[in-house]
Amino acid sequence: MTSIADFVLAADGFPLGKAFEDFPDAVFELDRVVPSADTVMPYFWVTDESADMTDVCESLDRLPELRSAVLMEDLGERGLFRAEWEPEFLGIMTAIAETGVTVVSATGSKNGWTFELRAETSDALAAFKQYCDDHDIHVSLAKLSHLSEFETGNAFGLTPEQREALVLAYEEGYYEEPRETDLDALASELGISRQAFSSRLRRGYRIIVESGLTGEGDADT
């Protein structure tokens, strides 16, 4: 049975976490993880209204855990980065690769990291947790659900949380021009962080496009 699990770890439990010392208001969202020879090249977004993305890039490039960091897109308060890890610092990413689980999403702030993982069997999640315990990677299981628990009649395969976020955004006028609300207000209504709400919207959009427009439906979300 396919399961979705949220694992959390401290801000400094992931290499990028050291960036919060220089940019305490930054929010990271991993976009793609691509194996490359003896390392991993992750693509991730950084959002920080008070930071210059070139400064963020320079700070990341100085981290000993990274071989390099490149600013791919600079959108002002938000930037897309590509980084290459030094193999000995891969940590949780090695655990993910070794146990065959899939990253659905990963977000981080100074308050910690949340990795949403998908596994075809509960044994894979157990193997992931065991690998982390054996290698001193301090993760905790925050939430576990099964795809069979998702709402029936959901044509796109959205989770209840994703559907709730999308519907709330629609009802509150987030998609109107001009917008009648913002992410902070929407997140507050659900009692979650702005980054968590934004992540639900982003994953929901992707699932709808893959399932309803491209027919891929089975792609990583």
N, C-alpha and C. Protein backbone atom coordinates (compact mmCIF):
# COMPACT_ATOMS: atom_id res chain seq x y z
N MET A 1 0.84 -1.19 0.00
CA MET A 1 0.00 0.00 0.00
C MET A 1 0.88 1.25 0.00
N THR A 2 0.63 2.16 -0.92
CA THR A 2 1.42 3.38 -1.03
C THR A 2 1.13 4.31 0.15
N SER A 3 2.20 4.80 0.77
CA SER A 3 2.07 5.66 1.94
C SER A 3 2.77 6.99 1.71
N ILE A 4 2.26 8.01 2.39
CA ILE A 4 2.88 9.33 2.39
C ILE A 4 3.25 9.65 3.84
N ALA A 5 4.50 10.03 4.06
CA ALA A 5 4.95 10.32 5.43
C ALA A 5 5.69 11.64 5.47
N ASP A 6 5.45 12.40 6.53
CA ASP A 6 6.19 13.64 6.78
C ASP A 6 7.23 13.37 7.86
N PHE A 7 8.50 13.59 7.51
CA PHE A 7 9.57 13.49 8.49
C PHE A 7 10.15 14.87 8.72
N VAL A 8 10.42 15.19 9.97
CA VAL A 8 10.97 16.51 10.31
C VAL A 8 12.34 16.36 10.93
N LEU A 9 13.17 17.38 10.73
CA LEU A 9 14.48 17.43 11.36
C LEU A 9 14.84 18.88 11.63
N ALA A 10 15.79 19.09 12.52
CA ALA A 10 16.17 20.44 12.92
C ALA A 10 16.77 21.21 11.75
N ALA A 11 16.76 22.52 11.87
CA ALA A 11 17.29 23.38 10.80
C ALA A 11 18.72 23.02 10.44
N ASP A 12 19.54 22.72 11.46
CA ASP A 12 20.93 22.40 11.19
C ASP A 12 21.14 20.92 10.86
N GLY A 13 20.04 20.18 10.73
CA GLY A 13 20.14 18.76 10.40
C GLY A 13 20.27 18.50 8.91
N PHE A 14 20.26 19.57 8.11
CA PHE A 14 20.37 19.49 6.66
C PHE A 14 21.40 20.54 6.25
N PRO A 15 22.31 20.23 5.31
CA PRO A 15 23.40 21.15 4.98
C PRO A 15 22.98 22.59 4.73
N LEU A 16 21.89 22.79 4.03
CA LEU A 16 21.46 24.16 3.73
C LEU A 16 21.05 24.93 4.97
N GLY A 17 20.83 24.23 6.06
CA GLY A 17 20.37 24.87 7.28
C GLY A 17 21.31 25.93 7.82
N LYS A 18 22.60 25.82 7.52
CA LYS A 18 23.55 26.81 8.01
C LYS A 18 23.30 28.20 7.41
N ALA A 19 22.59 28.23 6.29
CA ALA A 19 22.29 29.52 5.65
C ALA A 19 21.37 30.37 6.51
N PHE A 20 20.63 29.75 7.43
CA PHE A 20 19.71 30.51 8.28
C PHE A 20 20.46 31.40 9.27
N GLU A 21 21.74 31.12 9.49
CA GLU A 21 22.53 31.98 10.36
C GLU A 21 22.69 33.36 9.72
N ASP A 22 22.83 33.40 8.41
CA ASP A 22 22.96 34.68 7.69
C ASP A 22 21.61 35.23 7.25
N PHE A 23 20.66 34.32 6.97
CA PHE A 23 19.36 34.74 6.44
C PHE A 23 18.24 34.05 7.25
N PRO A 24 17.98 34.55 8.46
CA PRO A 24 17.02 33.88 9.36
C PRO A 24 15.58 33.85 8.84
N ASP A 25 15.25 34.72 7.88
CA ASP A 25 13.87 34.76 7.37
C ASP A 25 13.69 33.95 6.08
N ALA A 26 14.76 33.31 5.63
CA ALA A 26 14.70 32.57 4.36
C ALA A 26 13.86 31.30 4.50
N VAL A 27 13.20 30.95 3.40
CA VAL A 27 12.44 29.70 3.31
C VAL A 27 12.96 28.94 2.08
N PHE A 28 13.31 27.68 2.27
CA PHE A 28 13.83 26.85 1.19
C PHE A 28 12.78 25.84 0.75
N GLU A 29 12.70 25.61 -0.54
CA GLU A 29 11.83 24.56 -1.09
C GLU A 29 12.64 23.77 -2.12
N LEU A 30 12.91 22.49 -1.84
CA LEU A 30 13.60 21.66 -2.81
C LEU A 30 12.68 21.42 -4.00
N ASP A 31 13.21 21.61 -5.19
CA ASP A 31 12.41 21.48 -6.40
C ASP A 31 12.66 20.15 -7.10
N ARG A 32 13.94 19.80 -7.32
CA ARG A 32 14.28 18.53 -7.96
C ARG A 32 15.59 18.02 -7.38
N VAL A 33 15.73 16.71 -7.32
CA VAL A 33 16.97 16.09 -6.86
C VAL A 33 17.47 15.17 -7.96
N VAL A 34 18.66 15.47 -8.48
CA VAL A 34 19.18 14.73 -9.63
C VAL A 34 20.52 14.09 -9.29
N PRO A 35 20.61 12.74 -9.27
CA PRO A 35 21.90 12.10 -9.03
C PRO A 35 22.88 12.43 -10.16
N SER A 36 24.13 12.70 -9.83
CA SER A 36 25.14 13.01 -10.83
C SER A 36 26.48 12.48 -10.36
N ALA A 37 26.88 11.33 -10.92
CA ALA A 37 28.15 10.69 -10.57
C ALA A 37 28.19 10.43 -9.07
N ASP A 38 29.17 11.05 -8.36
CA ASP A 38 29.32 10.76 -6.94
C ASP A 38 28.68 11.82 -6.06
N THR A 39 27.79 12.60 -6.61
CA THR A 39 27.15 13.64 -5.81
C THR A 39 25.68 13.75 -6.19
N VAL A 40 25.03 14.76 -5.65
CA VAL A 40 23.62 15.02 -5.96
C VAL A 40 23.49 16.50 -6.27
N MET A 41 22.78 16.81 -7.34
CA MET A 41 22.52 18.20 -7.70
C MET A 41 21.07 18.53 -7.39
N PRO A 42 20.81 19.22 -6.30
CA PRO A 42 19.43 19.60 -6.01
C PRO A 42 19.12 21.00 -6.53
N TYR A 43 17.94 21.15 -7.04
CA TYR A 43 17.44 22.46 -7.44
C TYR A 43 16.46 22.89 -6.35
N PHE A 44 16.58 24.12 -5.90
CA PHE A 44 15.71 24.57 -4.83
C PHE A 44 15.44 26.06 -4.96
N TRP A 45 14.28 26.44 -4.40
CA TRP A 45 13.89 27.85 -4.37
C TRP A 45 14.18 28.42 -2.99
N VAL A 46 14.61 29.66 -2.97
CA VAL A 46 14.80 30.40 -1.72
C VAL A 46 13.92 31.64 -1.78
N THR A 47 13.12 31.83 -0.74
CA THR A 47 12.28 33.03 -0.64
C THR A 47 12.68 33.82 0.59
N ASP A 48 12.98 35.10 0.40
CA ASP A 48 13.34 35.97 1.51
C ASP A 48 13.13 37.41 1.05
N GLU A 49 12.12 38.06 1.61
CA GLU A 49 11.76 39.41 1.17
C GLU A 49 12.85 40.44 1.50
N SER A 50 13.70 40.14 2.48
CA SER A 50 14.68 41.15 2.91
C SER A 50 16.10 40.85 2.41
N ALA A 51 16.26 39.84 1.57
CA ALA A 51 17.61 39.45 1.15
C ALA A 51 17.82 39.64 -0.34
N ASP A 52 19.06 39.88 -0.70
CA ASP A 52 19.47 39.91 -2.10
C ASP A 52 19.88 38.49 -2.48
N MET A 53 19.32 37.96 -3.55
CA MET A 53 19.58 36.57 -3.92
C MET A 53 21.05 36.33 -4.29
N THR A 54 21.75 37.39 -4.76
CA THR A 54 23.19 37.21 -5.03
C THR A 54 23.95 37.00 -3.74
N ASP A 55 23.54 37.70 -2.68
CA ASP A 55 24.17 37.50 -1.37
C ASP A 55 23.89 36.09 -0.84
N VAL A 56 22.66 35.62 -1.04
CA VAL A 56 22.30 34.26 -0.62
C VAL A 56 23.19 33.25 -1.35
N CYS A 57 23.38 33.46 -2.64
CA CYS A 57 24.20 32.55 -3.44
C CYS A 57 25.65 32.53 -2.94
N GLU A 58 26.20 33.70 -2.65
CA GLU A 58 27.57 33.77 -2.16
C GLU A 58 27.71 33.06 -0.81
N SER A 59 26.69 33.20 0.03
CA SER A 59 26.71 32.53 1.32
C SER A 59 26.66 31.01 1.16
N LEU A 60 25.80 30.54 0.27
CA LEU A 60 25.70 29.10 0.01
C LEU A 60 26.99 28.55 -0.57
N ASP A 61 27.60 29.32 -1.45
CA ASP A 61 28.81 28.86 -2.12
C ASP A 61 29.97 28.69 -1.14
N ARG A 62 29.88 29.33 0.01
CA ARG A 62 30.94 29.22 1.02
C ARG A 62 30.75 28.03 1.96
N LEU A 63 29.59 27.38 1.89
CA LEU A 63 29.34 26.25 2.78
C LEU A 63 30.26 25.08 2.44
N PRO A 64 30.94 24.50 3.43
CA PRO A 64 31.84 23.38 3.15
C PRO A 64 31.11 22.14 2.65
N GLU A 65 29.80 22.06 2.92
CA GLU A 65 29.02 20.89 2.49
C GLU A 65 28.72 20.90 0.99
N LEU A 66 28.92 22.06 0.35
CA LEU A 66 28.57 22.19 -1.06
C LEU A 66 29.82 22.36 -1.91
N ARG A 67 29.83 21.70 -3.06
CA ARG A 67 30.89 21.93 -4.03
C ARG A 67 30.69 23.27 -4.72
N SER A 68 29.44 23.57 -4.99
CA SER A 68 29.14 24.83 -5.66
C SER A 68 27.67 25.17 -5.49
N ALA A 69 27.37 26.45 -5.66
CA ALA A 69 25.98 26.91 -5.66
C ALA A 69 25.84 27.94 -6.77
N VAL A 70 24.81 27.79 -7.60
CA VAL A 70 24.61 28.68 -8.75
C VAL A 70 23.20 29.26 -8.68
N LEU A 71 23.10 30.57 -8.86
CA LEU A 71 21.78 31.23 -8.92
C LEU A 71 21.28 31.13 -10.36
N MET A 72 20.23 30.32 -10.57
CA MET A 72 19.71 30.09 -11.91
C MET A 72 18.70 31.16 -12.34
N GLU A 73 17.83 31.56 -11.40
CA GLU A 73 16.82 32.59 -11.69
C GLU A 73 16.72 33.52 -10.50
N ASP A 74 16.76 34.82 -10.75
CA ASP A 74 16.62 35.81 -9.70
C ASP A 74 15.33 36.59 -9.92
N LEU A 75 14.34 36.34 -9.05
CA LEU A 75 13.05 37.00 -9.18
C LEU A 75 12.83 38.03 -8.07
N GLY A 76 13.93 38.57 -7.58
CA GLY A 76 13.82 39.57 -6.52
C GLY A 76 13.83 38.92 -5.16
N GLU A 77 12.64 38.76 -4.57
CA GLU A 77 12.57 38.15 -3.24
C GLU A 77 12.59 36.62 -3.30
N ARG A 78 12.72 36.09 -4.50
CA ARG A 78 12.69 34.63 -4.68
C ARG A 78 13.71 34.25 -5.75
N GLY A 79 14.46 33.16 -5.50
CA GLY A 79 15.48 32.74 -6.46
C GLY A 79 15.54 31.23 -6.58
N LEU A 80 15.86 30.77 -7.79
CA LEU A 80 16.05 29.34 -8.05
C LEU A 80 17.54 29.05 -8.08
N PHE A 81 17.96 28.06 -7.29
CA PHE A 81 19.37 27.72 -7.17
C PHE A 81 19.62 26.27 -7.59
N ARG A 82 20.87 26.02 -7.99
CA ARG A 82 21.33 24.65 -8.22
C ARG A 82 22.60 24.47 -7.40
N ALA A 83 22.67 23.41 -6.63
CA ALA A 83 23.84 23.17 -5.79
C ALA A 83 24.33 21.74 -5.97
N GLU A 84 25.63 21.56 -5.83
CA GLU A 84 26.23 20.23 -5.85
C GLU A 84 26.79 19.94 -4.46
N TRP A 85 26.32 18.82 -3.88
CA TRP A 85 26.75 18.43 -2.55
C TRP A 85 28.09 17.71 -2.58
N GLU A 86 28.87 17.89 -1.51
CA GLU A 86 30.00 17.00 -1.27
C GLU A 86 29.42 15.68 -0.75
N PRO A 87 29.84 14.53 -1.29
CA PRO A 87 29.22 13.24 -0.97
C PRO A 87 29.12 12.94 0.52
N GLU A 88 30.14 13.32 1.30
CA GLU A 88 30.13 12.95 2.73
C GLU A 88 29.09 13.71 3.53
N PHE A 89 28.44 14.71 2.94
CA PHE A 89 27.46 15.50 3.67
C PHE A 89 26.03 15.28 3.17
N LEU A 90 25.81 14.24 2.41
CA LEU A 90 24.48 14.05 1.81
C LEU A 90 23.41 13.72 2.85
N GLY A 91 23.79 13.02 3.91
CA GLY A 91 22.86 12.77 5.01
C GLY A 91 21.54 12.16 4.60
N ILE A 92 20.44 12.90 4.86
CA ILE A 92 19.10 12.38 4.59
C ILE A 92 18.89 12.06 3.12
N MET A 93 19.61 12.74 2.23
CA MET A 93 19.45 12.47 0.81
C MET A 93 20.01 11.09 0.45
N THR A 94 21.07 10.67 1.15
CA THR A 94 21.58 9.32 0.96
C THR A 94 20.56 8.30 1.46
N ALA A 95 19.96 8.58 2.61
CA ALA A 95 18.94 7.69 3.16
C ALA A 95 17.78 7.52 2.19
N ILE A 96 17.38 8.61 1.54
CA ILE A 96 16.29 8.56 0.56
C ILE A 96 16.68 7.69 -0.63
N ALA A 97 17.89 7.89 -1.14
CA ALA A 97 18.35 7.12 -2.30
C ALA A 97 18.53 5.64 -1.97
N GLU A 98 19.06 5.35 -0.79
CA GLU A 98 19.36 3.97 -0.42
C GLU A 98 18.11 3.14 -0.16
N THR A 99 17.03 3.77 0.26
CA THR A 99 15.84 3.01 0.65
C THR A 99 14.71 3.09 -0.37
N GLY A 100 14.91 3.84 -1.46
CA GLY A 100 13.94 3.83 -2.56
C GLY A 100 12.67 4.62 -2.32
N VAL A 101 12.67 5.51 -1.34
CA VAL A 101 11.49 6.37 -1.16
C VAL A 101 11.63 7.58 -2.09
N THR A 102 10.51 8.26 -2.33
CA THR A 102 10.49 9.38 -3.26
C THR A 102 10.17 10.67 -2.52
N VAL A 103 10.89 11.74 -2.86
CA VAL A 103 10.62 13.04 -2.26
C VAL A 103 9.43 13.68 -2.96
N VAL A 104 8.36 13.89 -2.22
CA VAL A 104 7.20 14.61 -2.75
C VAL A 104 7.45 16.12 -2.62
N SER A 105 7.94 16.52 -1.47
CA SER A 105 8.29 17.92 -1.25
C SER A 105 9.25 17.99 -0.08
N ALA A 106 10.00 19.09 -0.01
CA ALA A 106 10.89 19.33 1.12
C ALA A 106 11.00 20.83 1.32
N THR A 107 10.67 21.29 2.51
CA THR A 107 10.73 22.71 2.81
C THR A 107 11.48 22.93 4.11
N GLY A 108 12.14 24.08 4.21
CA GLY A 108 12.90 24.36 5.42
C GLY A 108 12.92 25.82 5.77
N SER A 109 13.00 26.10 7.06
CA SER A 109 13.15 27.45 7.58
C SER A 109 14.00 27.34 8.84
N LYS A 110 14.22 28.45 9.51
CA LYS A 110 15.01 28.41 10.74
C LYS A 110 14.37 27.52 11.81
N ASN A 111 13.06 27.21 11.63
CA ASN A 111 12.35 26.36 12.59
C ASN A 111 12.51 24.87 12.30
N GLY A 112 13.12 24.53 11.16
CA GLY A 112 13.33 23.12 10.85
C GLY A 112 12.93 22.76 9.43
N TRP A 113 13.12 21.50 9.10
CA TRP A 113 12.84 20.97 7.77
C TRP A 113 11.73 19.93 7.82
N THR A 114 10.92 19.91 6.79
CA THR A 114 9.90 18.87 6.63
C THR A 114 10.09 18.21 5.27
N PHE A 115 10.31 16.89 5.29
CA PHE A 115 10.42 16.11 4.06
C PHE A 115 9.17 15.25 3.94
N GLU A 116 8.41 15.47 2.87
CA GLU A 116 7.23 14.65 2.58
C GLU A 116 7.68 13.55 1.62
N LEU A 117 7.60 12.31 2.07
CA LEU A 117 8.12 11.17 1.31
C LEU A 117 7.00 10.22 0.94
N ARG A 118 7.14 9.62 -0.24
CA ARG A 118 6.18 8.62 -0.70
C ARG A 118 6.89 7.28 -0.80
N ALA A 119 6.23 6.23 -0.36
CA ALA A 119 6.81 4.89 -0.41
C ALA A 119 5.75 3.90 -0.87
N GLU A 120 6.18 2.93 -1.66
CA GLU A 120 5.23 1.93 -2.16
C GLU A 120 4.79 0.97 -1.07
N THR A 121 5.63 0.77 -0.05
CA THR A 121 5.29 -0.13 1.05
C THR A 121 5.70 0.51 2.38
N SER A 122 5.07 0.05 3.46
CA SER A 122 5.45 0.55 4.78
C SER A 122 6.85 0.09 5.15
N ASP A 123 7.28 -1.04 4.56
CA ASP A 123 8.63 -1.52 4.83
C ASP A 123 9.68 -0.52 4.35
N ALA A 124 9.40 0.17 3.24
CA ALA A 124 10.36 1.14 2.71
C ALA A 124 10.51 2.31 3.67
N LEU A 125 9.40 2.76 4.26
CA LEU A 125 9.48 3.85 5.24
C LEU A 125 10.22 3.40 6.49
N ALA A 126 9.96 2.16 6.90
CA ALA A 126 10.66 1.63 8.07
C ALA A 126 12.15 1.54 7.79
N ALA A 127 12.51 1.14 6.56
CA ALA A 127 13.92 1.03 6.18
C ALA A 127 14.57 2.42 6.17
N PHE A 128 13.83 3.40 5.70
CA PHE A 128 14.34 4.77 5.69
C PHE A 128 14.63 5.24 7.10
N LYS A 129 13.68 5.04 8.01
CA LYS A 129 13.87 5.48 9.40
C LYS A 129 15.02 4.72 10.04
N GLN A 130 15.14 3.42 9.77
CA GLN A 130 16.22 2.64 10.34
C GLN A 130 17.58 3.12 9.83
N TYR A 131 17.63 3.43 8.53
CA TYR A 131 18.88 3.93 7.95
C TYR A 131 19.28 5.23 8.65
N CYS A 132 18.31 6.11 8.85
CA CYS A 132 18.60 7.38 9.52
C CYS A 132 19.11 7.15 10.94
N ASP A 133 18.46 6.23 11.68
CA ASP A 133 18.89 5.94 13.04
C ASP A 133 20.31 5.37 13.07
N ASP A 134 20.60 4.49 12.12
CA ASP A 134 21.91 3.84 12.08
C ASP A 134 23.03 4.81 11.72
N HIS A 135 22.68 5.91 11.02
CA HIS A 135 23.70 6.85 10.55
C HIS A 135 23.59 8.22 11.23
N ASP A 136 22.96 8.23 12.41
CA ASP A 136 22.86 9.46 13.22
C ASP A 136 22.24 10.63 12.46
N ILE A 137 21.23 10.32 11.65
CA ILE A 137 20.44 11.36 10.99
C ILE A 137 19.16 11.50 11.81
N HIS A 138 19.02 12.60 12.51
CA HIS A 138 17.97 12.73 13.52
C HIS A 138 16.65 13.23 12.93
N VAL A 139 15.88 12.29 12.41
CA VAL A 139 14.57 12.63 11.85
C VAL A 139 13.47 12.07 12.75
N SER A 140 12.31 12.70 12.71
CA SER A 140 11.15 12.23 13.46
C SER A 140 9.96 12.15 12.54
N LEU A 141 9.15 11.12 12.70
CA LEU A 141 7.93 10.97 11.90
C LEU A 141 6.87 11.90 12.46
N ALA A 142 6.38 12.82 11.63
CA ALA A 142 5.37 13.78 12.07
C ALA A 142 3.97 13.40 11.61
N LYS A 143 3.87 12.70 10.48
CA LYS A 143 2.55 12.37 9.94
C LYS A 143 2.68 11.18 8.99
N LEU A 144 1.70 10.30 9.01
CA LEU A 144 1.67 9.15 8.11
C LEU A 144 0.26 8.96 7.59
N SER A 145 0.11 8.81 6.28
CA SER A 145 -1.20 8.55 5.69
C SER A 145 -1.02 7.61 4.51
N HIS A 146 -2.13 7.04 4.04
CA HIS A 146 -2.12 6.13 2.91
C HIS A 146 -2.98 6.72 1.79
N LEU A 147 -2.61 6.42 0.56
CA LEU A 147 -3.36 6.98 -0.56
C LEU A 147 -4.82 6.55 -0.52
N SER A 148 -5.10 5.39 0.05
CA SER A 148 -6.48 4.91 0.12
C SER A 148 -7.33 5.77 1.06
N GLU A 149 -6.67 6.59 1.89
CA GLU A 149 -7.39 7.45 2.82
C GLU A 149 -7.83 8.76 2.18
N PHE A 150 -7.29 9.06 1.00
CA PHE A 150 -7.62 10.32 0.35
C PHE A 150 -9.09 10.30 -0.07
N GLU A 151 -9.64 11.46 -0.27
CA GLU A 151 -11.06 11.60 -0.56
C GLU A 151 -11.47 10.82 -1.80
N THR A 152 -12.58 10.13 -1.70
CA THR A 152 -13.13 9.46 -2.88
C THR A 152 -13.76 10.52 -3.76
N GLY A 153 -13.83 10.26 -5.05
CA GLY A 153 -14.41 11.23 -5.97
C GLY A 153 -13.45 12.34 -6.34
N ASN A 154 -12.20 12.24 -5.91
CA ASN A 154 -11.21 13.25 -6.25
C ASN A 154 -10.58 12.88 -7.58
N ALA A 155 -11.02 13.52 -8.65
CA ALA A 155 -10.59 13.13 -10.00
C ALA A 155 -9.11 13.35 -10.24
N PHE A 156 -8.49 14.25 -9.51
CA PHE A 156 -7.10 14.58 -9.77
C PHE A 156 -6.11 13.87 -8.85
N GLY A 157 -6.60 13.24 -7.80
CA GLY A 157 -5.68 12.59 -6.89
C GLY A 157 -5.05 13.53 -5.89
N LEU A 158 -5.70 14.66 -5.61
CA LEU A 158 -5.19 15.61 -4.62
C LEU A 158 -5.36 15.03 -3.21
N THR A 159 -4.46 15.41 -2.31
CA THR A 159 -4.67 15.07 -0.92
C THR A 159 -5.75 16.00 -0.36
N PRO A 160 -6.39 15.63 0.74
CA PRO A 160 -7.40 16.52 1.33
C PRO A 160 -6.82 17.89 1.66
N GLU A 161 -5.56 17.94 2.12
CA GLU A 161 -4.94 19.22 2.47
C GLU A 161 -4.72 20.09 1.24
N GLN A 162 -4.31 19.48 0.13
CA GLN A 162 -4.11 20.24 -1.11
C GLN A 162 -5.43 20.78 -1.63
N ARG A 163 -6.46 19.94 -1.61
CA ARG A 163 -7.78 20.37 -2.08
C ARG A 163 -8.32 21.50 -1.22
N GLU A 164 -8.14 21.38 0.10
CA GLU A 164 -8.60 22.42 1.02
C GLU A 164 -7.93 23.75 0.73
N ALA A 165 -6.63 23.73 0.47
CA ALA A 165 -5.89 24.96 0.19
C ALA A 165 -6.35 25.59 -1.12
N LEU A 166 -6.52 24.79 -2.15
CA LEU A 166 -6.94 25.30 -3.45
C LEU A 166 -8.34 25.91 -3.38
N VAL A 167 -9.25 25.21 -2.71
CA VAL A 167 -10.63 25.70 -2.61
C VAL A 167 -10.70 26.98 -1.78
N LEU A 168 -9.97 27.01 -0.67
CA LEU A 168 -9.95 28.21 0.17
C LEU A 168 -9.41 29.40 -0.60
N ALA A 169 -8.32 29.20 -1.34
CA ALA A 169 -7.73 30.28 -2.13
C ALA A 169 -8.74 30.81 -3.14
N TYR A 170 -9.49 29.90 -3.76
CA TYR A 170 -10.51 30.30 -4.74
C TYR A 170 -11.64 31.09 -4.06
N GLU A 171 -12.13 30.56 -2.95
CA GLU A 171 -13.27 31.19 -2.28
C GLU A 171 -12.92 32.56 -1.70
N GLU A 172 -11.67 32.75 -1.30
CA GLU A 172 -11.26 34.01 -0.69
C GLU A 172 -10.76 35.04 -1.71
N GLY A 173 -10.79 34.68 -3.00
CA GLY A 173 -10.43 35.64 -4.04
C GLY A 173 -8.95 35.75 -4.34
N TYR A 174 -8.19 34.70 -4.01
CA TYR A 174 -6.75 34.75 -4.28
C TYR A 174 -6.46 34.79 -5.77
N TYR A 175 -7.35 34.22 -6.58
CA TYR A 175 -7.13 34.16 -8.02
C TYR A 175 -7.77 35.33 -8.77
N GLU A 176 -8.40 36.24 -8.03
CA GLU A 176 -9.02 37.40 -8.67
C GLU A 176 -7.94 38.41 -9.08
N GLU A 177 -8.31 39.31 -9.97
CA GLU A 177 -7.40 40.37 -10.41
C GLU A 177 -8.06 41.73 -10.18
N PRO A 178 -7.62 42.54 -9.21
CA PRO A 178 -6.50 42.25 -8.30
C PRO A 178 -6.89 41.24 -7.22
N ARG A 179 -5.89 40.64 -6.58
CA ARG A 179 -6.14 39.66 -5.54
C ARG A 179 -6.85 40.29 -4.34
N GLU A 180 -7.76 39.50 -3.75
CA GLU A 180 -8.52 39.99 -2.61
C GLU A 180 -7.96 39.48 -1.29
N THR A 181 -6.92 38.65 -1.35
CA THR A 181 -6.29 38.13 -0.14
C THR A 181 -4.85 37.77 -0.48
N ASP A 182 -4.10 37.33 0.52
CA ASP A 182 -2.71 36.92 0.26
C ASP A 182 -2.41 35.61 0.98
N LEU A 183 -1.21 35.08 0.76
CA LEU A 183 -0.85 33.78 1.33
C LEU A 183 -0.81 33.80 2.86
N ASP A 184 -0.39 34.93 3.43
CA ASP A 184 -0.33 35.02 4.89
C ASP A 184 -1.71 34.87 5.51
N ALA A 185 -2.70 35.54 4.91
CA ALA A 185 -4.06 35.49 5.44
C ALA A 185 -4.65 34.09 5.27
N LEU A 186 -4.40 33.47 4.12
CA LEU A 186 -4.92 32.13 3.86
C LEU A 186 -4.30 31.11 4.80
N ALA A 187 -2.99 31.22 4.99
CA ALA A 187 -2.30 30.29 5.88
C ALA A 187 -2.81 30.43 7.31
N SER A 188 -3.08 31.68 7.70
CA SER A 188 -3.58 31.94 9.05
C SER A 188 -4.93 31.28 9.28
N GLU A 189 -5.78 31.26 8.26
CA GLU A 189 -7.10 30.63 8.39
C GLU A 189 -7.00 29.14 8.69
N LEU A 190 -5.94 28.51 8.15
CA LEU A 190 -5.77 27.07 8.37
C LEU A 190 -4.84 26.77 9.54
N GLY A 191 -4.27 27.83 10.12
CA GLY A 191 -3.39 27.64 11.26
C GLY A 191 -2.07 27.00 10.91
N ILE A 192 -1.58 27.28 9.67
CA ILE A 192 -0.30 26.73 9.24
C ILE A 192 0.59 27.88 8.77
N SER A 193 1.86 27.58 8.49
CA SER A 193 2.78 28.63 8.05
C SER A 193 2.51 29.01 6.60
N ARG A 194 2.99 30.20 6.23
CA ARG A 194 2.86 30.67 4.86
C ARG A 194 3.54 29.70 3.90
N GLN A 195 4.74 29.19 4.28
CA GLN A 195 5.46 28.29 3.39
C GLN A 195 4.71 26.97 3.21
N ALA A 196 4.06 26.50 4.27
CA ALA A 196 3.31 25.24 4.16
C ALA A 196 2.10 25.42 3.24
N PHE A 197 1.41 26.56 3.37
CA PHE A 197 0.25 26.81 2.50
C PHE A 197 0.69 26.95 1.05
N SER A 198 1.77 27.71 0.83
CA SER A 198 2.29 27.89 -0.53
C SER A 198 2.69 26.56 -1.14
N SER A 199 3.29 25.68 -0.33
CA SER A 199 3.71 24.38 -0.82
C SER A 199 2.50 23.52 -1.23
N ARG A 200 1.42 23.60 -0.44
CA ARG A 200 0.21 22.84 -0.79
C ARG A 200 -0.38 23.32 -2.11
N LEU A 201 -0.40 24.64 -2.31
CA LEU A 201 -0.90 25.18 -3.57
C LEU A 201 -0.04 24.71 -4.74
N ARG A 202 1.27 24.82 -4.57
CA ARG A 202 2.19 24.46 -5.66
C ARG A 202 2.04 22.98 -6.04
N ARG A 203 2.00 22.11 -5.04
CA ARG A 203 1.87 20.68 -5.33
C ARG A 203 0.50 20.38 -5.93
N GLY A 204 -0.54 21.09 -5.46
CA GLY A 204 -1.87 20.90 -6.01
C GLY A 204 -1.94 21.29 -7.47
N TYR A 205 -1.33 22.45 -7.82
CA TYR A 205 -1.29 22.89 -9.22
C TYR A 205 -0.63 21.81 -10.08
N ARG A 206 0.50 21.31 -9.59
CA ARG A 206 1.27 20.35 -10.39
C ARG A 206 0.48 19.07 -10.63
N ILE A 207 -0.19 18.59 -9.57
CA ILE A 207 -0.98 17.36 -9.72
C ILE A 207 -2.10 17.56 -10.73
N ILE A 208 -2.79 18.71 -10.65
CA ILE A 208 -3.90 18.97 -11.57
C ILE A 208 -3.41 19.02 -13.02
N VAL A 209 -2.27 19.70 -13.24
CA VAL A 209 -1.73 19.78 -14.60
C VAL A 209 -1.32 18.40 -15.10
N GLU A 210 -0.63 17.62 -14.25
CA GLU A 210 -0.17 16.30 -14.68
C GLU A 210 -1.33 15.35 -14.94
N SER A 211 -2.34 15.40 -14.05
CA SER A 211 -3.46 14.47 -14.18
C SER A 211 -4.48 14.92 -15.20
N GLY A 212 -4.73 16.23 -15.25
CA GLY A 212 -5.82 16.72 -16.09
C GLY A 212 -5.42 17.24 -17.45
N LEU A 213 -4.16 17.67 -17.60
CA LEU A 213 -3.76 18.28 -18.86
C LEU A 213 -2.72 17.48 -19.64
N THR A 214 -1.77 16.88 -18.93
CA THR A 214 -0.72 16.14 -19.64
C THR A 214 -0.98 14.65 -19.67
N GLY A 215 -1.85 14.17 -18.78
CA GLY A 215 -2.14 12.74 -18.74
C GLY A 215 -1.06 11.93 -18.07
N GLU A 216 -0.10 12.62 -17.40
CA GLU A 216 0.99 11.87 -16.80
C GLU A 216 0.56 11.24 -15.49
N GLY A 217 -0.28 11.86 -14.74
CA GLY A 217 -0.88 11.35 -13.53
C GLY A 217 -0.03 10.58 -12.58
N ASP A 218 0.97 9.84 -13.06
CA ASP A 218 1.79 8.98 -12.23
C ASP A 218 3.10 9.62 -11.89
N ALA A 219 3.30 10.87 -12.30
CA ALA A 219 4.57 11.52 -12.10
C ALA A 219 4.76 11.88 -10.64
N ASP A 220 6.02 12.14 -10.23
CA ASP A 220 6.32 12.53 -8.87
C ASP A 220 5.63 13.84 -8.57
N THR A 221 5.06 13.96 -7.36
CA THR A 221 4.40 15.18 -6.95
C THR A 221 5.07 15.78 -5.75
